[in-house]
Amino acid sequence: MENPAAFWGALFFILLIAGANFLMYAIVRGVTRSGNKNFLETLSNTLNPNARKKDESMQELRQRIEELEKSKKDRAGDSE
């Protein structure tokens, strides 16, 4: 072998590609075996975990607004 740097570079590149393929395989296998009802929803949650946090905060906001509206109606009913 004339150039050992080329050998190590090629070996690193092959290992990098093999590692990326293994990682993608593991992600897809985990998504398909999770048992959830919707494959695309599970995949999007896997790739973007911040969306779940946003949904939870929006749900908390909706609940708080409902509580405030309910207490406002109760106060209006008490004054009549």
C-alpha atoms as a PDB file:
ATOM      1  CA  MET A   1       0.000   0.000   0.000  1.00  0.00           C
ATOM      2  CA  GLU A   2       1.548   3.272  -1.123  1.00  0.00           C
ATOM      3  CA  ASN A   3      -0.374   5.798   0.945  1.00  0.00           C
ATOM      4  CA  PRO A   4      -1.468   4.766   4.460  1.00  0.00           C
ATOM      5  CA  ALA A   5      -3.351   8.045   4.965  1.00  0.00           C
ATOM      6  CA  ALA A   6      -5.662   7.162   2.052  1.00  0.00           C
ATOM      7  CA  PHE A   7      -6.292   3.742   3.587  1.00  0.00           C
ATOM      8  CA  TRP A   8      -7.241   5.221   6.973  1.00  0.00           C
ATOM      9  CA  GLY A   9      -9.380   7.883   5.308  1.00  0.00           C
ATOM     10  CA  ALA A  10     -11.259   5.291   3.279  1.00  0.00           C
ATOM     11  CA  LEU A  11     -11.720   3.096   6.352  1.00  0.00           C
ATOM     12  CA  PHE A  12     -13.065   6.044   8.354  1.00  0.00           C
ATOM     13  CA  PHE A  13     -15.468   6.928   5.530  1.00  0.00           C
ATOM     14  CA  ILE A  14     -16.768   3.349   5.313  1.00  0.00           C
ATOM     15  CA  LEU A  15     -17.268   3.164   9.077  1.00  0.00           C
ATOM     16  CA  LEU A  16     -19.041   6.535   9.042  1.00  0.00           C
ATOM     17  CA  ILE A  17     -21.484   5.355   6.361  1.00  0.00           C
ATOM     18  CA  ALA A  18     -22.066   2.032   8.157  1.00  0.00           C
ATOM     19  CA  GLY A  19     -22.696   3.851  11.456  1.00  0.00           C
ATOM     20  CA  ALA A  20     -25.195   6.232   9.854  1.00  0.00           C
ATOM     21  CA  ASN A  21     -27.058   3.312   8.274  1.00  0.00           C
ATOM     22  CA  PHE A  22     -27.187   1.474  11.597  1.00  0.00           C
ATOM     23  CA  LEU A  23     -28.516   4.587  13.337  1.00  0.00           C
ATOM     24  CA  MET A  24     -31.282   5.041  10.737  1.00  0.00           C
ATOM     25  CA  TYR A  25     -32.179   1.355  11.013  1.00  0.00           C
ATOM     26  CA  ALA A  26     -32.465   1.650  14.801  1.00  0.00           C
ATOM     27  CA  ILE A  27     -34.675   4.743  14.561  1.00  0.00           C
ATOM     28  CA  VAL A  28     -37.042   3.191  12.021  1.00  0.00           C
ATOM     29  CA  ARG A  29     -37.209  -0.089  13.925  1.00  0.00           C
ATOM     30  CA  GLY A  30     -38.048   1.741  17.144  1.00  0.00           C
ATOM     31  CA  VAL A  31     -40.744   3.777  15.443  1.00  0.00           C
ATOM     32  CA  THR A  32     -42.421   0.799  13.805  1.00  0.00           C
ATOM     33  CA  ARG A  33     -42.327  -1.351  16.961  1.00  0.00           C
ATOM     34  CA  SER A  34     -43.543   1.305  19.375  1.00  0.00           C
ATOM     35  CA  GLY A  35     -47.148   0.108  19.156  1.00  0.00           C
ATOM     36  CA  ASN A  36     -48.593   3.563  18.598  1.00  0.00           C
ATOM     37  CA  LYS A  37     -51.532   3.881  16.267  1.00  0.00           C
ATOM     38  CA  ASN A  38     -50.050   6.353  13.798  1.00  0.00           C
ATOM     39  CA  PHE A  39     -46.664   5.721  12.178  1.00  0.00           C
ATOM     40  CA  LEU A  40     -46.166   9.281  10.885  1.00  0.00           C
ATOM     41  CA  GLU A  41     -47.098  10.853  14.231  1.00  0.00           C
ATOM     42  CA  THR A  42     -44.602   8.642  16.027  1.00  0.00           C
ATOM     43  CA  LEU A  43     -41.918   9.445  13.475  1.00  0.00           C
ATOM     44  CA  SER A  44     -42.495  13.187  13.793  1.00  0.00           C
ATOM     45  CA  ASN A  45     -42.378  12.948  17.607  1.00  0.00           C
ATOM     46  CA  THR A  46     -39.115  11.046  17.370  1.00  0.00           C
ATOM     47  CA  LEU A  47     -37.525  13.590  15.067  1.00  0.00           C
ATOM     48  CA  ASN A  48     -38.967  16.692  16.756  1.00  0.00           C
ATOM     49  CA  PRO A  49     -39.416  16.246  20.522  1.00  0.00           C
ATOM     50  CA  ASN A  50     -39.997  19.998  21.022  1.00  0.00           C
ATOM     51  CA  ALA A  51     -43.398  19.743  19.332  1.00  0.00           C
ATOM     52  CA  ARG A  52     -44.683  17.636  22.228  1.00  0.00           C
ATOM     53  CA  LYS A  53     -43.585  20.283  24.725  1.00  0.00           C
ATOM     54  CA  LYS A  54     -45.372  22.960  22.722  1.00  0.00           C
ATOM     55  CA  ASP A  55     -48.557  20.860  22.630  1.00  0.00           C
ATOM     56  CA  GLU A  56     -48.402  20.331  26.396  1.00  0.00           C
ATOM     57  CA  SER A  57     -47.935  24.031  27.086  1.00  0.00           C
ATOM     58  CA  MET A  58     -50.821  24.893  24.755  1.00  0.00           C
ATOM     59  CA  GLN A  59     -53.029  22.348  26.557  1.00  0.00           C
ATOM     60  CA  GLU A  60     -52.151  23.941  29.902  1.00  0.00           C
ATOM     61  CA  LEU A  61     -53.036  27.346  28.490  1.00  0.00           C
ATOM     62  CA  ARG A  62     -56.399  26.060  27.221  1.00  0.00           C
ATOM     63  CA  GLN A  63     -57.207  24.573  30.621  1.00  0.00           C
ATOM     64  CA  ARG A  64     -56.300  27.826  32.385  1.00  0.00           C
ATOM     65  CA  ILE A  65     -58.504  29.848  30.019  1.00  0.00           C
ATOM     66  CA  GLU A  66     -61.406  27.450  30.603  1.00  0.00           C
ATOM     67  CA  GLU A  67     -60.973  27.783  34.371  1.00  0.00           C
ATOM     68  CA  LEU A  68     -60.952  31.575  34.135  1.00  0.00           C
ATOM     69  CA  GLU A  69     -64.045  31.620  31.928  1.00  0.00           C
ATOM     70  CA  LYS A  70     -65.841  29.259  34.298  1.00  0.00           C
ATOM     71  CA  SER A  71     -64.997  31.408  37.317  1.00  0.00           C
ATOM     72  CA  LYS A  72     -66.105  34.506  35.400  1.00  0.00           C
ATOM     73  CA  LYS A  73     -69.482  32.887  34.643  1.00  0.00           C
ATOM     74  CA  ASP A  74     -69.831  31.827  38.284  1.00  0.00           C
ATOM     75  CA  ARG A  75     -69.242  35.392  39.449  1.00  0.00           C
ATOM     76  CA  ALA A  76     -71.748  36.739  36.923  1.00  0.00           C
ATOM     77  CA  GLY A  77     -74.332  34.195  38.140  1.00  0.00           C
ATOM     78  CA  ASP A  78     -73.721  35.142  41.804  1.00  0.00           C
ATOM     79  CA  SER A  79     -74.338  38.859  41.232  1.00  0.00           C
ATOM     80  CA  GLU A  80     -77.788  38.341  39.654  1.00  0.00           C
END
